[in-house]
Amino acid sequence: MTVKNLLIIIRTTPFNTVSVPEALRMSIGLTVHDNRVSILLIDEGVWNSLRVVPHTIGRPDISDSMELFSACGISVFADEDSLKERNIAECDGIIEKISRQEAIGLIAASDVTLSFG
């Protein structure tokens, strides 16, 4: 079986939908078949790069999924332009900031792209 590069693009906040925690859980599941999985946080999705407490407003907590990513070989990236537009200076430790050009390259290099938001 050929290894595929899968990219999950998250464009929505962790607060207004359950699609973010579902996308993160799906990302972990996609590694079972030796796929190379990456996650790109862009636009409003960069809010997921912060340590937040969504269960206080009745939303699922994504921290458990985020902690599993390094063990599963999942890379998580945040678009620097989106971060700057929202005045977000620091991300969670496992998230790598990348330029918009690098984000476009990540999308172009993917065999399969799934977008949430």
C-alpha atoms as a PDB file:
ATOM      1  CA  MET A   1       0.000   0.000   0.000  1.00  0.00           C
ATOM      2  CA  THR A   2       1.339   3.430  -0.939  1.00  0.00           C
ATOM      3  CA  VAL A   3       1.747   5.990   1.824  1.00  0.00           C
ATOM      4  CA  LYS A   4      -0.412   9.037   1.173  1.00  0.00           C
ATOM      5  CA  ASN A   5       0.136  12.588   2.380  1.00  0.00           C
ATOM      6  CA  LEU A   6      -3.115  13.649   4.027  1.00  0.00           C
ATOM      7  CA  LEU A   7      -3.769  17.233   5.073  1.00  0.00           C
ATOM      8  CA  ILE A   8      -6.566  18.238   7.410  1.00  0.00           C
ATOM      9  CA  ILE A   9      -7.329  21.963   7.136  1.00  0.00           C
ATOM     10  CA  ILE A  10      -9.146  23.506  10.094  1.00  0.00           C
ATOM     11  CA  ARG A  11     -10.662  26.960   9.493  1.00  0.00           C
ATOM     12  CA  THR A  12     -13.047  27.277  12.437  1.00  0.00           C
ATOM     13  CA  THR A  13     -12.721  28.072  16.149  1.00  0.00           C
ATOM     14  CA  PRO A  14     -12.869  25.383  18.824  1.00  0.00           C
ATOM     15  CA  PHE A  15     -16.068  26.944  20.205  1.00  0.00           C
ATOM     16  CA  ASN A  16     -18.744  27.097  17.515  1.00  0.00           C
ATOM     17  CA  THR A  17     -18.827  23.546  16.213  1.00  0.00           C
ATOM     18  CA  VAL A  18     -18.031  19.956  17.104  1.00  0.00           C
ATOM     19  CA  SER A  19     -16.300  19.488  13.751  1.00  0.00           C
ATOM     20  CA  VAL A  20     -12.886  20.463  15.177  1.00  0.00           C
ATOM     21  CA  PRO A  21     -12.697  17.690  17.789  1.00  0.00           C
ATOM     22  CA  GLU A  22     -14.066  15.255  15.197  1.00  0.00           C
ATOM     23  CA  ALA A  23     -11.429  16.356  12.665  1.00  0.00           C
ATOM     24  CA  LEU A  24      -8.698  15.860  15.260  1.00  0.00           C
ATOM     25  CA  ARG A  25      -9.941  12.394  16.229  1.00  0.00           C
ATOM     26  CA  MET A  26     -10.213  11.465  12.556  1.00  0.00           C
ATOM     27  CA  SER A  27      -6.613  12.615  12.037  1.00  0.00           C
ATOM     28  CA  ILE A  28      -5.435  10.108  14.613  1.00  0.00           C
ATOM     29  CA  GLY A  29      -7.505   7.357  12.984  1.00  0.00           C
ATOM     30  CA  LEU A  30      -6.020   8.089   9.568  1.00  0.00           C
ATOM     31  CA  THR A  31      -2.537   7.201  10.839  1.00  0.00           C
ATOM     32  CA  VAL A  32      -3.598   3.549  11.307  1.00  0.00           C
ATOM     33  CA  HIS A  33      -2.977   2.857   7.604  1.00  0.00           C
ATOM     34  CA  ASP A  34       0.523   4.372   7.665  1.00  0.00           C
ATOM     35  CA  ASN A  35      -0.630   7.621   6.079  1.00  0.00           C
ATOM     36  CA  ARG A  36       1.436  10.756   6.621  1.00  0.00           C
ATOM     37  CA  VAL A  37      -1.041  13.107   8.317  1.00  0.00           C
ATOM     38  CA  SER A  38      -0.643  16.844   8.846  1.00  0.00           C
ATOM     39  CA  ILE A  39      -3.013  19.461  10.208  1.00  0.00           C
ATOM     40  CA  LEU A  40      -3.078  23.074   9.050  1.00  0.00           C
ATOM     41  CA  LEU A  41      -4.756  25.689  11.252  1.00  0.00           C
ATOM     42  CA  ILE A  42      -5.670  28.707   9.140  1.00  0.00           C
ATOM     43  CA  ASP A  43      -8.105  31.642   9.290  1.00  0.00           C
ATOM     44  CA  GLU A  44     -10.271  31.291  12.440  1.00  0.00           C
ATOM     45  CA  GLY A  45      -8.784  27.816  12.895  1.00  0.00           C
ATOM     46  CA  VAL A  46      -5.661  29.322  14.482  1.00  0.00           C
ATOM     47  CA  TRP A  47      -7.672  29.822  17.680  1.00  0.00           C
ATOM     48  CA  ASN A  48      -7.209  26.054  18.098  1.00  0.00           C
ATOM     49  CA  SER A  49      -3.483  26.707  18.610  1.00  0.00           C
ATOM     50  CA  LEU A  50      -4.169  28.136  22.069  1.00  0.00           C
ATOM     51  CA  ARG A  51      -4.717  26.208  25.284  1.00  0.00           C
ATOM     52  CA  VAL A  52      -8.397  26.901  25.866  1.00  0.00           C
ATOM     53  CA  VAL A  53     -11.089  25.380  28.078  1.00  0.00           C
ATOM     54  CA  PRO A  54     -14.028  24.789  25.704  1.00  0.00           C
ATOM     55  CA  HIS A  55     -15.897  22.456  28.069  1.00  0.00           C
ATOM     56  CA  THR A  56     -16.823  25.516  30.168  1.00  0.00           C
ATOM     57  CA  ILE A  57     -19.256  26.447  27.400  1.00  0.00           C
ATOM     58  CA  GLY A  58     -20.335  22.905  26.590  1.00  0.00           C
ATOM     59  CA  ARG A  59     -17.857  22.124  23.800  1.00  0.00           C
ATOM     60  CA  PRO A  60     -15.539  19.084  23.632  1.00  0.00           C
ATOM     61  CA  ASP A  61     -11.971  19.534  24.851  1.00  0.00           C
ATOM     62  CA  ILE A  62      -9.364  19.008  22.109  1.00  0.00           C
ATOM     63  CA  SER A  63      -6.348  18.769  24.447  1.00  0.00           C
ATOM     64  CA  ASP A  64      -6.418  14.956  24.578  1.00  0.00           C
ATOM     65  CA  SER A  65      -6.226  14.707  20.792  1.00  0.00           C
ATOM     66  CA  MET A  66      -3.442  17.293  20.592  1.00  0.00           C
ATOM     67  CA  GLU A  67      -1.325  15.367  23.104  1.00  0.00           C
ATOM     68  CA  LEU A  68      -1.538  12.192  20.991  1.00  0.00           C
ATOM     69  CA  PHE A  69      -0.329  13.828  17.782  1.00  0.00           C
ATOM     70  CA  SER A  70       3.400  13.547  18.359  1.00  0.00           C
ATOM     71  CA  ALA A  71       3.043   9.884  19.332  1.00  0.00           C
ATOM     72  CA  CYS A  72       1.090   9.255  16.103  1.00  0.00           C
ATOM     73  CA  GLY A  73       3.513  11.198  13.909  1.00  0.00           C
ATOM     74  CA  ILE A  74       1.006  13.950  13.103  1.00  0.00           C
ATOM     75  CA  SER A  75       2.466  17.377  12.364  1.00  0.00           C
ATOM     76  CA  VAL A  76       0.418  20.453  13.268  1.00  0.00           C
ATOM     77  CA  PHE A  77       1.015  23.801  11.572  1.00  0.00           C
ATOM     78  CA  ALA A  78      -0.458  27.270  12.102  1.00  0.00           C
ATOM     79  CA  ASP A  79      -0.512  29.937   9.396  1.00  0.00           C
ATOM     80  CA  GLU A  80       1.530  32.946  10.600  1.00  0.00           C
ATOM     81  CA  ASP A  81      -0.593  35.487   8.713  1.00  0.00           C
ATOM     82  CA  SER A  82      -3.758  34.182  10.382  1.00  0.00           C
ATOM     83  CA  LEU A  83      -2.049  34.309  13.785  1.00  0.00           C
ATOM     84  CA  LYS A  84      -0.910  37.904  13.243  1.00  0.00           C
ATOM     85  CA  GLU A  85      -4.357  39.022  12.064  1.00  0.00           C
ATOM     86  CA  ARG A  86      -5.794  37.757  15.371  1.00  0.00           C
ATOM     87  CA  ASN A  87      -2.920  39.030  17.560  1.00  0.00           C
ATOM     88  CA  ILE A  88      -1.991  35.506  18.646  1.00  0.00           C
ATOM     89  CA  ALA A  89       1.689  35.537  19.571  1.00  0.00           C
ATOM     90  CA  GLU A  90       2.205  32.101  21.133  1.00  0.00           C
ATOM     91  CA  CYS A  91       0.918  28.675  20.131  1.00  0.00           C
ATOM     92  CA  ASP A  92       0.694  25.397  21.973  1.00  0.00           C
ATOM     93  CA  GLY A  93       4.138  23.743  22.049  1.00  0.00           C
ATOM     94  CA  ILE A  94       3.480  21.061  19.416  1.00  0.00           C
ATOM     95  CA  ILE A  95       2.313  23.548  16.787  1.00  0.00           C
ATOM     96  CA  GLU A  96       4.771  24.907  14.249  1.00  0.00           C
ATOM     97  CA  LYS A  97       4.197  28.371  12.794  1.00  0.00           C
ATOM     98  CA  ILE A  98       4.615  28.496   9.013  1.00  0.00           C
ATOM     99  CA  SER A  99       4.386  31.241   6.404  1.00  0.00           C
ATOM    100  CA  ARG A 100       1.453  31.515   4.002  1.00  0.00           C
ATOM    101  CA  GLN A 101       3.791  30.343   1.199  1.00  0.00           C
ATOM    102  CA  GLU A 102       4.721  27.260   3.219  1.00  0.00           C
ATOM    103  CA  ALA A 103       1.014  26.611   3.897  1.00  0.00           C
ATOM    104  CA  ILE A 104       0.312  26.761   0.159  1.00  0.00           C
ATOM    105  CA  GLY A 105       3.211  24.352  -0.427  1.00  0.00           C
ATOM    106  CA  LEU A 106       1.797  21.981   2.190  1.00  0.00           C
ATOM    107  CA  ILE A 107      -1.564  22.008   0.424  1.00  0.00           C
ATOM    108  CA  ALA A 108       0.037  21.488  -2.994  1.00  0.00           C
ATOM    109  CA  ALA A 109       2.125  18.545  -1.743  1.00  0.00           C
ATOM    110  CA  SER A 110      -0.883  16.716  -0.265  1.00  0.00           C
ATOM    111  CA  ASP A 111      -2.433  13.711  -1.987  1.00  0.00           C
ATOM    112  CA  VAL A 112      -5.696  14.238  -0.098  1.00  0.00           C
ATOM    113  CA  THR A 113      -6.970  17.429   1.537  1.00  0.00           C
ATOM    114  CA  LEU A 114      -9.934  17.546   3.920  1.00  0.00           C
ATOM    115  CA  SER A 115     -11.227  20.950   4.999  1.00  0.00           C
ATOM    116  CA  PHE A 116     -13.275  21.670   8.131  1.00  0.00           C
ATOM    117  CA  GLY A 117     -14.903  25.037   8.574  1.00  0.00           C
END
